[in-house]
């Protein structure tokens, strides 16, 4: 299920909620403001970790992932699977000298 999460969209939503929180919470109530900031930060980290864990599990079971690697000239898309010679390396998928973050992948 986490393979269907779009982390970029979730990031945009969290930034929007954070911005709304800044304007809606008065500066007099700083504890509530800090609580909202900490909650949103922890929520984002939880979603990213769950997505990475799901992608590793899918990869380990022989599944295929579509991963995006962005750079200043654009974006490259890779098909990541054990069949294609990819391996797990820390929180990345590795093939030769190429490393792709697991959170940049979706289930195929």
Foldseek 3Di string as FASTA:
>chain_A
DLLPDDLVVLVVVLVVVLVVLVVVDDPVCVVVNVVSVVVSVVVSVVSLVVQLVVLVVCQVVFFWKWFWDADPVGIDIDIDHVVVPWDDDPQWIDDDHDTGGSSRIHTD
